[in-house]
Amino acid sequence: QGHLYFDDAELADPDYDVSQLTRERKRIALDRK
């Protein structure tokens, strides 16, 4: 076991409007190889 504890990074401002935090995007998936 390591000697460090990492905490989740949560929103600094709890008053964000949840409905405005994400958006949908389209993209083309490529086979890089």
Full PDB file with SEQRES, HELIX, SHEET, SSBOND, CRYST1, ORIGX, SCALE, CONECT and MASTER records, all heavy atoms in Angstrom:
SEQRES   1 A   33  GLN GLY HIS LEU TYR PHE ASP ASP ALA GLU LEU ALA ASP          
SEQRES   2 A   33  PRO ASP TYR ASP VAL SER GLN LEU THR ARG GLU ARG LYS          
SEQRES   3 A   33  ARG ILE ALA LEU ASP ARG LYS                                  
HELIX    1 AA1 VAL A   18  GLN A   20  5                                   3    
CRYST1    1.000    1.000    1.000  90.00  90.00  90.00 P 1           1          
ORIGX1      1.000000  0.000000  0.000000        0.00000                         
ORIGX2      0.000000  1.000000  0.000000        0.00000                         
ORIGX3      0.000000  0.000000  1.000000        0.00000                         
SCALE1      1.000000  0.000000  0.000000        0.00000                         
SCALE2      0.000000  1.000000  0.000000        0.00000                         
SCALE3      0.000000  0.000000  1.000000        0.00000                         
ATOM      1  N   GLN A   1       0.833  -1.197   0.000  1.00  0.00           N  
ATOM      2  CA  GLN A   1       0.000   0.000   0.000  1.00  0.00           C  
ATOM      3  C   GLN A   1       0.871   1.252   0.000  1.00  0.00           C  
ATOM      4  O   GLN A   1       1.889   1.311   0.676  1.00  0.00           O  
ATOM      5  CB  GLN A   1      -0.923   0.012   1.211  1.00  0.00           C  
ATOM      6  CG  GLN A   1      -1.911   1.170   1.229  1.00  0.00           C  
ATOM      7  CD  GLN A   1      -2.875   1.078   2.399  1.00  0.00           C  
ATOM      8  OE1 GLN A   1      -2.865   0.098   3.131  1.00  0.00           O  
ATOM      9  NE2 GLN A   1      -3.696   2.089   2.575  1.00  0.00           N  
ATOM     10  N   GLY A   2       0.450   2.247  -0.786  1.00  0.00           N  
ATOM     11  CA  GLY A   2       1.193   3.494  -0.843  1.00  0.00           C  
ATOM     12  C   GLY A   2       0.966   4.365   0.374  1.00  0.00           C  
ATOM     13  O   GLY A   2       0.082   4.105   1.193  1.00  0.00           O  
ATOM     14  N   HIS A   3       1.767   5.405   0.511  1.00  0.00           N  
ATOM     15  CA  HIS A   3       1.682   6.310   1.653  1.00  0.00           C  
ATOM     16  C   HIS A   3       1.025   7.639   1.305  1.00  0.00           C  
ATOM     17  O   HIS A   3       1.143   8.611   2.051  1.00  0.00           O  
ATOM     18  CB  HIS A   3       3.083   6.559   2.235  1.00  0.00           C  
ATOM     19  CG  HIS A   3       3.637   5.383   2.972  1.00  0.00           C  
ATOM     20  ND1 HIS A   3       4.107   4.258   2.337  1.00  0.00           N  
ATOM     21  CD2 HIS A   3       3.783   5.161   4.299  1.00  0.00           C  
ATOM     22  CE1 HIS A   3       4.528   3.389   3.246  1.00  0.00           C  
ATOM     23  NE2 HIS A   3       4.342   3.909   4.437  1.00  0.00           N  
ATOM     24  N   LEU A   4       0.331   7.695   0.173  1.00  0.00           N  
ATOM     25  CA  LEU A   4      -0.371   8.911  -0.225  1.00  0.00           C  
ATOM     26  C   LEU A   4      -1.863   8.632  -0.356  1.00  0.00           C  
ATOM     27  O   LEU A   4      -2.273   7.541  -0.759  1.00  0.00           O  
ATOM     28  CB  LEU A   4       0.151   9.430  -1.572  1.00  0.00           C  
ATOM     29  CG  LEU A   4       1.600   9.901  -1.634  1.00  0.00           C  
ATOM     30  CD1 LEU A   4       1.961  10.254  -3.073  1.00  0.00           C  
ATOM     31  CD2 LEU A   4       1.826  11.109  -0.733  1.00  0.00           C  
ATOM     32  N   TYR A   5      -2.667   9.638  -0.017  1.00  0.00           N  
ATOM     33  CA  TYR A   5      -4.106   9.535  -0.218  1.00  0.00           C  
ATOM     34  C   TYR A   5      -4.529  10.592  -1.232  1.00  0.00           C  
ATOM     35  O   TYR A   5      -4.266  11.780  -1.039  1.00  0.00           O  
ATOM     36  CB  TYR A   5      -4.869   9.744   1.096  1.00  0.00           C  
ATOM     37  CG  TYR A   5      -6.368   9.743   0.900  1.00  0.00           C  
ATOM     38  CD1 TYR A   5      -7.071   8.549   0.724  1.00  0.00           C  
ATOM     39  CD2 TYR A   5      -7.079  10.941   0.858  1.00  0.00           C  
ATOM     40  CE1 TYR A   5      -8.434   8.540   0.519  1.00  0.00           C  
ATOM     41  CE2 TYR A   5      -8.449  10.937   0.653  1.00  0.00           C  
ATOM     42  CZ  TYR A   5      -9.123   9.743   0.492  1.00  0.00           C  
ATOM     43  OH  TYR A   5     -10.468   9.748   0.285  1.00  0.00           O  
ATOM     44  N   PHE A   6      -5.167  10.152  -2.296  1.00  0.00           N  
ATOM     45  CA  PHE A   6      -5.647  11.043  -3.342  1.00  0.00           C  
ATOM     46  C   PHE A   6      -7.160  11.196  -3.205  1.00  0.00           C  
ATOM     47  O   PHE A   6      -7.885  10.203  -3.134  1.00  0.00           O  
ATOM     48  CB  PHE A   6      -5.318  10.491  -4.730  1.00  0.00           C  
ATOM     49  CG  PHE A   6      -3.866  10.544  -5.091  1.00  0.00           C  
ATOM     50  CD1 PHE A   6      -2.965   9.624  -4.556  1.00  0.00           C  
ATOM     51  CD2 PHE A   6      -3.388  11.507  -5.965  1.00  0.00           C  
ATOM     52  CE1 PHE A   6      -1.623   9.667  -4.886  1.00  0.00           C  
ATOM     53  CE2 PHE A   6      -2.041  11.564  -6.301  1.00  0.00           C  
ATOM     54  CZ  PHE A   6      -1.161  10.638  -5.751  1.00  0.00           C  
ATOM     55  N   ASP A   7      -7.616  12.432  -3.185  1.00  0.00           N  
ATOM     56  CA  ASP A   7      -9.047  12.706  -3.074  1.00  0.00           C  
ATOM     57  C   ASP A   7      -9.625  12.988  -4.458  1.00  0.00           C  
ATOM     58  O   ASP A   7      -8.937  13.494  -5.350  1.00  0.00           O  
ATOM     59  CB  ASP A   7      -9.268  13.929  -2.174  1.00  0.00           C  
ATOM     60  CG  ASP A   7     -10.664  13.955  -1.580  1.00  0.00           C  
ATOM     61  OD1 ASP A   7     -11.421  12.984  -1.796  1.00  0.00           O  
ATOM     62  OD2 ASP A   7     -10.995  14.930  -0.894  1.00  0.00           O  
ATOM     63  N   ASP A   8     -10.912  12.626  -4.657  1.00  0.00           N  
ATOM     64  CA  ASP A   8     -11.585  13.000  -5.897  1.00  0.00           C  
ATOM     65  C   ASP A   8     -11.567  14.518  -6.053  1.00  0.00           C  
ATOM     66  O   ASP A   8     -11.621  15.260  -5.059  1.00  0.00           O  
ATOM     67  CB  ASP A   8     -13.049  12.540  -5.885  1.00  0.00           C  
ATOM     68  CG  ASP A   8     -13.201  11.028  -5.913  1.00  0.00           C  
ATOM     69  OD1 ASP A   8     -12.278  10.338  -6.409  1.00  0.00           O  
ATOM     70  OD2 ASP A   8     -14.245  10.535  -5.440  1.00  0.00           O  
ATOM     71  N   ALA A   9     -11.493  14.986  -7.289  1.00  0.00           N  
ATOM     72  CA  ALA A   9     -11.593  16.422  -7.554  1.00  0.00           C  
ATOM     73  C   ALA A   9     -13.052  16.762  -7.832  1.00  0.00           C  
ATOM     74  O   ALA A   9     -13.616  16.336  -8.831  1.00  0.00           O  
ATOM     75  CB  ALA A   9     -10.719  16.804  -8.749  1.00  0.00           C  
ATOM     76  N   GLU A  10     -13.643  17.513  -6.914  1.00  0.00           N  
ATOM     77  CA  GLU A  10     -15.055  17.870  -7.021  1.00  0.00           C  
ATOM     78  C   GLU A  10     -15.199  19.357  -7.313  1.00  0.00           C  
ATOM     79  O   GLU A  10     -14.275  20.150  -7.088  1.00  0.00           O  
ATOM     80  CB  GLU A  10     -15.769  17.503  -5.722  1.00  0.00           C  
ATOM     81  CG  GLU A  10     -15.688  16.003  -5.415  1.00  0.00           C  
ATOM     82  CD  GLU A  10     -16.380  15.650  -4.114  1.00  0.00           C  
ATOM     83  OE1 GLU A  10     -16.488  16.546  -3.237  1.00  0.00           O  
ATOM     84  OE2 GLU A  10     -16.809  14.493  -3.959  1.00  0.00           O  
ATOM     85  N   LEU A  11     -16.343  19.750  -7.809  1.00  0.00           N  
ATOM     86  CA  LEU A  11     -16.575  21.135  -8.212  1.00  0.00           C  
ATOM     87  C   LEU A  11     -16.293  22.094  -7.060  1.00  0.00           C  
ATOM     88  O   LEU A  11     -16.764  21.896  -5.936  1.00  0.00           O  
ATOM     89  CB  LEU A  11     -18.005  21.315  -8.702  1.00  0.00           C  
ATOM     90  CG  LEU A  11     -18.369  20.595 -10.005  1.00  0.00           C  
ATOM     91  CD1 LEU A  11     -19.837  20.825 -10.353  1.00  0.00           C  
ATOM     92  CD2 LEU A  11     -17.483  21.058 -11.155  1.00  0.00           C  
ATOM     93  N   ALA A  12     -15.523  23.130  -7.364  1.00  0.00           N  
ATOM     94  CA  ALA A  12     -15.173  24.113  -6.342  1.00  0.00           C  
ATOM     95  C   ALA A  12     -16.377  24.958  -5.943  1.00  0.00           C  
ATOM     96  O   ALA A  12     -16.461  25.438  -4.809  1.00  0.00           O  
ATOM     97  CB  ALA A  12     -14.049  25.018  -6.854  1.00  0.00           C  
ATOM     98  N   ASP A  13     -17.292  25.154  -6.862  1.00  0.00           N  
ATOM     99  CA  ASP A  13     -18.496  25.947  -6.602  1.00  0.00           C  
ATOM    100  C   ASP A  13     -19.703  25.015  -6.557  1.00  0.00           C  
ATOM    101  O   ASP A  13     -20.099  24.456  -7.580  1.00  0.00           O  
ATOM    102  CB  ASP A  13     -18.686  26.993  -7.702  1.00  0.00           C  
ATOM    103  CG  ASP A  13     -19.899  27.889  -7.460  1.00  0.00           C  
ATOM    104  OD1 ASP A  13     -20.632  27.647  -6.477  1.00  0.00           O  
ATOM    105  OD2 ASP A  13     -20.111  28.823  -8.249  1.00  0.00           O  
ATOM    106  N   PRO A  14     -20.304  24.803  -5.379  1.00  0.00           N  
ATOM    107  CA  PRO A  14     -21.438  23.884  -5.267  1.00  0.00           C  
ATOM    108  C   PRO A  14     -22.715  24.420  -5.911  1.00  0.00           C  
ATOM    109  O   PRO A  14     -23.702  23.684  -6.031  1.00  0.00           O  
ATOM    110  CB  PRO A  14     -21.622  23.735  -3.747  1.00  0.00           C  
ATOM    111  CG  PRO A  14     -21.109  25.024  -3.188  1.00  0.00           C  
ATOM    112  CD  PRO A  14     -19.969  25.427  -4.078  1.00  0.00           C  
ATOM    113  N   ASP A  15     -22.701  25.671  -6.330  1.00  0.00           N  
ATOM    114  CA  ASP A  15     -23.919  26.288  -6.864  1.00  0.00           C  
ATOM    115  C   ASP A  15     -24.004  26.250  -8.383  1.00  0.00           C  
ATOM    116  O   ASP A  15     -24.848  26.917  -8.977  1.00  0.00           O  
ATOM    117  CB  ASP A  15     -24.024  27.740  -6.380  1.00  0.00           C  
ATOM    118  CG  ASP A  15     -24.173  27.823  -4.874  1.00  0.00           C  
ATOM    119  OD1 ASP A  15     -24.816  26.936  -4.295  1.00  0.00           O  
ATOM    120  OD2 ASP A  15     -23.625  28.770  -4.269  1.00  0.00           O  
ATOM    121  N   TYR A  16     -23.127  25.478  -9.031  1.00  0.00           N  
ATOM    122  CA  TYR A  16     -23.248  25.319 -10.479  1.00  0.00           C  
ATOM    123  C   TYR A  16     -24.630  24.768 -10.828  1.00  0.00           C  
ATOM    124  O   TYR A  16     -25.185  23.924 -10.113  1.00  0.00           O  
ATOM    125  CB  TYR A  16     -22.203  24.330 -11.004  1.00  0.00           C  
ATOM    126  CG  TYR A  16     -20.822  24.905 -11.239  1.00  0.00           C  
ATOM    127  CD1 TYR A  16     -19.731  24.455 -10.489  1.00  0.00           C  
ATOM    128  CD2 TYR A  16     -20.586  25.851 -12.223  1.00  0.00           C  
ATOM    129  CE1 TYR A  16     -18.453  24.941 -10.714  1.00  0.00           C  
ATOM    130  CE2 TYR A  16     -19.304  26.349 -12.456  1.00  0.00           C  
ATOM    131  CZ  TYR A  16     -18.248  25.889 -11.704  1.00  0.00           C  
ATOM    132  OH  TYR A  16     -16.989  26.373 -11.920  1.00  0.00           O  
ATOM    133  N   ASP A  17     -25.187  25.219 -11.946  1.00  0.00           N  
ATOM    134  CA  ASP A  17     -26.435  24.669 -12.464  1.00  0.00           C  
ATOM    135  C   ASP A  17     -26.111  23.327 -13.122  1.00  0.00           C  
ATOM    136  O   ASP A  17     -25.427  23.275 -14.146  1.00  0.00           O  
ATOM    137  CB  ASP A  17     -27.042  25.632 -13.491  1.00  0.00           C  
ATOM    138  CG  ASP A  17     -28.370  25.141 -14.043  1.00  0.00           C  
ATOM    139  OD1 ASP A  17     -28.732  23.966 -13.802  1.00  0.00           O  
ATOM    140  OD2 ASP A  17     -29.037  25.931 -14.744  1.00  0.00           O  
ATOM    141  N   VAL A  18     -26.596  22.224 -12.540  1.00  0.00           N  
ATOM    142  CA  VAL A  18     -26.246  20.885 -13.015  1.00  0.00           C  
ATOM    143  C   VAL A  18     -26.588  20.703 -14.487  1.00  0.00           C  
ATOM    144  O   VAL A  18     -25.857  20.042 -15.233  1.00  0.00           O  
ATOM    145  CB  VAL A  18     -26.958  19.809 -12.159  1.00  0.00           C  
ATOM    146  CG1 VAL A  18     -26.707  18.420 -12.732  1.00  0.00           C  
ATOM    147  CG2 VAL A  18     -26.477  19.872 -10.719  1.00  0.00           C  
ATOM    148  N   SER A  19     -27.652  21.313 -14.937  1.00  0.00           N  
ATOM    149  CA  SER A  19     -28.084  21.137 -16.333  1.00  0.00           C  
ATOM    150  C   SER A  19     -27.132  21.790 -17.326  1.00  0.00           C  
ATOM    151  O   SER A  19     -27.202  21.518 -18.527  1.00  0.00           O  
ATOM    152  CB  SER A  19     -29.496  21.704 -16.523  1.00  0.00           C  
ATOM    153  OG  SER A  19     -29.508  23.118 -16.361  1.00  0.00           O  
ATOM    154  N   GLN A  20     -26.225  22.647 -16.822  1.00  0.00           N  
ATOM    155  CA  GLN A  20     -25.308  23.374 -17.712  1.00  0.00           C  
ATOM    156  C   GLN A  20     -23.875  22.840 -17.655  1.00  0.00           C  
ATOM    157  O   GLN A  20     -22.971  23.441 -18.236  1.00  0.00           O  
ATOM    158  CB  GLN A  20     -25.299  24.862 -17.323  1.00  0.00           C  
ATOM    159  CG  GLN A  20     -26.666  25.533 -17.364  1.00  0.00           C  
ATOM    160  CD  GLN A  20     -27.256  25.547 -18.764  1.00  0.00           C  
ATOM    161  OE1 GLN A  20     -26.557  25.837 -19.736  1.00  0.00           O  
ATOM    162  NE2 GLN A  20     -28.534  25.234 -18.867  1.00  0.00           N  
ATOM    163  N   LEU A  21     -23.653  21.712 -16.987  1.00  0.00           N  
ATOM    164  CA  LEU A  21     -22.296  21.232 -16.753  1.00  0.00           C  
ATOM    165  C   LEU A  21     -21.771  20.309 -17.852  1.00  0.00           C  
ATOM    166  O   LEU A  21     -20.565  20.052 -17.912  1.00  0.00           O  
ATOM    167  CB  LEU A  21     -22.225  20.504 -15.412  1.00  0.00           C  
ATOM    168  CG  LEU A  21     -22.569  21.344 -14.175  1.00  0.00           C  
ATOM    169  CD1 LEU A  21     -22.458  20.498 -12.917  1.00  0.00           C  
ATOM    170  CD2 LEU A  21     -21.671  22.566 -14.093  1.00  0.00           C  
ATOM    171  N   THR A  22     -22.636  19.783 -18.673  1.00  0.00           N  
ATOM    172  CA  THR A  22     -22.217  18.881 -19.750  1.00  0.00           C  
ATOM    173  C   THR A  22     -22.895  19.274 -21.054  1.00  0.00           C  
ATOM    174  O   THR A  22     -23.879  20.012 -21.065  1.00  0.00           O  
ATOM    175  CB  THR A  22     -22.579  17.412 -19.433  1.00  0.00           C  
ATOM    176  OG1 THR A  22     -24.006  17.284 -19.324  1.00  0.00           O  
ATOM    177  CG2 THR A  22     -21.923  16.952 -18.141  1.00  0.00           C  
ATOM    178  N   ARG A  23     -22.332  18.774 -22.145  1.00  0.00           N  
ATOM    179  CA  ARG A  23     -22.958  18.977 -23.448  1.00  0.00           C  
ATOM    180  C   ARG A  23     -22.602  17.805 -24.346  1.00  0.00           C  
ATOM    181  O   ARG A  23     -21.632  17.074 -24.084  1.00  0.00           O  
ATOM    182  CB  ARG A  23     -22.486  20.282 -24.083  1.00  0.00           C  
ATOM    183  CG  ARG A  23     -21.015  20.384 -24.429  1.00  0.00           C  
ATOM    184  CD  ARG A  23     -20.651  21.812 -24.805  1.00  0.00           C  
ATOM    185  NE  ARG A  23     -19.264  21.974 -25.189  1.00  0.00           N  
ATOM    186  CZ  ARG A  23     -18.845  22.101 -26.449  1.00  0.00           C  
ATOM    187  NH1 ARG A  23     -19.733  22.067 -27.438  1.00  0.00           N  
ATOM    188  NH2 ARG A  23     -17.572  22.250 -26.737  1.00  0.00           N  
ATOM    189  N   GLU A  24     -23.385  17.606 -25.392  1.00  0.00           N  
ATOM    190  CA  GLU A  24     -23.162  16.491 -26.301  1.00  0.00           C  
ATOM    191  C   GLU A  24     -22.307  16.916 -27.482  1.00  0.00           C  
ATOM    192  O   GLU A  24     -22.453  18.024 -27.994  1.00  0.00           O  
ATOM    193  CB  GLU A  24     -24.496  15.917 -26.786  1.00  0.00           C  
ATOM    194  CG  GLU A  24     -25.290  15.256 -25.673  1.00  0.00           C  
ATOM    195  CD  GLU A  24     -26.608  14.681 -26.159  1.00  0.00           C  
ATOM    196  OE1 GLU A  24     -26.893  14.812 -27.380  1.00  0.00           O  
ATOM    197  OE2 GLU A  24     -27.351  14.104 -25.344  1.00  0.00           O  
ATOM    198  N   ARG A  25     -21.410  16.010 -27.876  1.00  0.00           N  
ATOM    199  CA  ARG A  25     -20.536  16.277 -29.029  1.00  0.00           C  
ATOM    200  C   ARG A  25     -20.433  15.026 -29.886  1.00  0.00           C  
ATOM    201  O   ARG A  25     -20.426  13.907 -29.367  1.00  0.00           O  
ATOM    202  CB  ARG A  25     -19.130  16.696 -28.574  1.00  0.00           C  
ATOM    203  CG  ARG A  25     -19.082  18.036 -27.880  1.00  0.00           C  
ATOM    204  CD  ARG A  25     -17.662  18.473 -27.621  1.00  0.00           C  
ATOM    205  NE  ARG A  25     -16.924  18.678 -28.866  1.00  0.00           N  
ATOM    206  CZ  ARG A  25     -15.656  19.093 -28.922  1.00  0.00           C  
ATOM    207  NH1 ARG A  25     -15.002  19.350 -27.800  1.00  0.00           N  
ATOM    208  NH2 ARG A  25     -15.045  19.255 -30.065  1.00  0.00           N  
ATOM    209  N   LYS A  26     -20.356  15.228 -31.190  1.00  0.00           N  
ATOM    210  CA  LYS A  26     -20.161  14.121 -32.119  1.00  0.00           C  
ATOM    211  C   LYS A  26     -18.712  14.137 -32.607  1.00  0.00           C  
ATOM    212  O   LYS A  26     -18.130  15.198 -32.785  1.00  0.00           O  
ATOM    213  CB  LYS A  26     -21.092  14.246 -33.326  1.00  0.00           C  
ATOM    214  CG  LYS A  26     -22.573  14.168 -32.984  1.00  0.00           C  
ATOM    215  CD  LYS A  26     -23.407  14.355 -34.249  1.00  0.00           C  
ATOM    216  CE  LYS A  26     -24.893  14.330 -33.923  1.00  0.00           C  
ATOM    217  NZ  LYS A  26     -25.723  14.564 -35.138  1.00  0.00           N  
ATOM    218  N   ARG A  27     -18.159  12.948 -32.828  1.00  0.00           N  
ATOM    219  CA  ARG A  27     -16.831  12.871 -33.425  1.00  0.00           C  
ATOM    220  C   ARG A  27     -16.672  11.537 -34.144  1.00  0.00           C  
ATOM    221  O   ARG A  27     -17.418  10.584 -33.903  1.00  0.00           O  
ATOM    222  CB  ARG A  27     -15.725  13.057 -32.390  1.00  0.00           C  
ATOM    223  CG  ARG A  27     -15.499  11.910 -31.427  1.00  0.00           C  
ATOM    224  CD  ARG A  27     -14.353  12.265 -30.491  1.00  0.00           C  
ATOM    225  NE  ARG A  27     -14.072  11.211 -29.538  1.00  0.00           N  
ATOM    226  CZ  ARG A  27     -13.138  10.266 -29.719  1.00  0.00           C  
ATOM    227  NH1 ARG A  27     -12.438  10.245 -30.846  1.00  0.00           N  
ATOM    228  NH2 ARG A  27     -12.913   9.346 -28.803  1.00  0.00           N  
ATOM    229  N   ILE A  28     -15.691  11.481 -35.031  1.00  0.00           N  
ATOM    230  CA  ILE A  28     -15.391  10.267 -35.785  1.00  0.00           C  
ATOM    231  C   ILE A  28     -14.282   9.504 -35.071  1.00  0.00           C  
ATOM    232  O   ILE A  28     -13.237  10.068 -34.735  1.00  0.00           O  
ATOM    233  CB  ILE A  28     -14.943  10.601 -37.221  1.00  0.00           C  
ATOM    234  CG1 ILE A  28     -16.027  11.393 -37.949  1.00  0.00           C  
ATOM    235  CG2 ILE A  28     -14.586   9.330 -37.978  1.00  0.00           C  
ATOM    236  CD1 ILE A  28     -17.301  10.624 -38.182  1.00  0.00           C  
ATOM    237  N   ALA A  29     -14.517   8.219 -34.823  1.00  0.00           N  
ATOM    238  CA  ALA A  29     -13.510   7.384 -34.178  1.00  0.00           C  
ATOM    239  C   ALA A  29     -12.600   6.780 -35.236  1.00  0.00           C  
ATOM    240  O   ALA A  29     -13.066   6.181 -36.209  1.00  0.00           O  
ATOM    241  CB  ALA A  29     -14.178   6.274 -33.373  1.00  0.00           C  
ATOM    242  N   LEU A  30     -11.284   6.937 -35.038  1.00  0.00           N  
ATOM    243  CA  LEU A  30     -10.302   6.434 -35.993  1.00  0.00           C  
ATOM    244  C   LEU A  30      -9.512   5.273 -35.398  1.00  0.00           C  
ATOM    245  O   LEU A  30      -9.249   5.237 -34.191  1.00  0.00           O  
ATOM    246  CB  LEU A  30      -9.325   7.547 -36.396  1.00  0.00           C  
ATOM    247  CG  LEU A  30      -9.925   8.773 -37.065  1.00  0.00           C  
ATOM    248  CD1 LEU A  30      -8.830   9.807 -37.318  1.00  0.00           C  
ATOM    249  CD2 LEU A  30     -10.605   8.399 -38.377  1.00  0.00           C  
ATOM    250  N   ASP A  31      -9.140   4.341 -36.246  1.00  0.00           N  
ATOM    251  CA  ASP A  31      -8.206   3.289 -35.867  1.00  0.00           C  
ATOM    252  C   ASP A  31      -6.811   3.873 -36.087  1.00  0.00           C  
ATOM    253  O   ASP A  31      -6.326   3.969 -37.212  1.00  0.00           O  
ATOM    254  CB  ASP A  31      -8.415   2.054 -36.744  1.00  0.00           C  
ATOM    255  CG  ASP A  31      -7.520   0.885 -36.339  1.00  0.00           C  
ATOM    256  OD1 ASP A  31      -6.399   1.140 -35.859  1.00  0.00           O  
ATOM    257  OD2 ASP A  31      -7.943  -0.271 -36.505  1.00  0.00           O  
ATOM    258  N   ARG A  32      -6.144   4.311 -35.008  1.00  0.00           N  
ATOM    259  CA  ARG A  32      -4.876   5.022 -35.149  1.00  0.00           C  
ATOM    260  C   ARG A  32      -3.769   4.130 -35.726  1.00  0.00           C  
ATOM    261  O   ARG A  32      -2.891   4.611 -36.444  1.00  0.00           O  
ATOM    262  CB  ARG A  32      -4.439   5.592 -33.797  1.00  0.00           C  
ATOM    263  CG  ARG A  32      -5.359   6.670 -33.259  1.00  0.00           C  
ATOM    264  CD  ARG A  32      -4.702   7.403 -32.094  1.00  0.00           C  
ATOM    265  NE  ARG A  32      -5.616   8.363 -31.524  1.00  0.00           N  
ATOM    266  CZ  ARG A  32      -6.426   8.117 -30.501  1.00  0.00           C  
ATOM    267  NH1 ARG A  32      -6.433   6.912 -29.969  1.00  0.00           N  
ATOM    268  NH2 ARG A  32      -7.235   9.036 -30.026  1.00  0.00           N  
ATOM    269  N   LYS A  33      -3.820   2.838 -35.426  1.00  0.00           N  
ATOM    270  CA  LYS A  33      -2.785   1.946 -35.919  1.00  0.00           C  
ATOM    271  C   LYS A  33      -2.838   1.817 -37.438  1.00  0.00           C  
ATOM    272  O   LYS A  33      -1.823   1.898 -38.124  1.00  0.00           O  
ATOM    273  CB  LYS A  33      -2.924   0.565 -35.262  1.00  0.00           C  
ATOM    274  CG  LYS A  33      -1.857  -0.424 -35.706  1.00  0.00           C  
ATOM    275  CD  LYS A  33      -2.017  -1.757 -34.979  1.00  0.00           C  
ATOM    276  CE  LYS A  33      -0.944  -2.752 -35.433  1.00  0.00           C  
ATOM    277  NZ  LYS A  33      -1.100  -4.063 -34.736  1.00  0.00           N  
TER     278      LYS A  33                                                      
MASTER        0    0    0    1    0    0    0    6  277    1    0    3          
END                                                                             
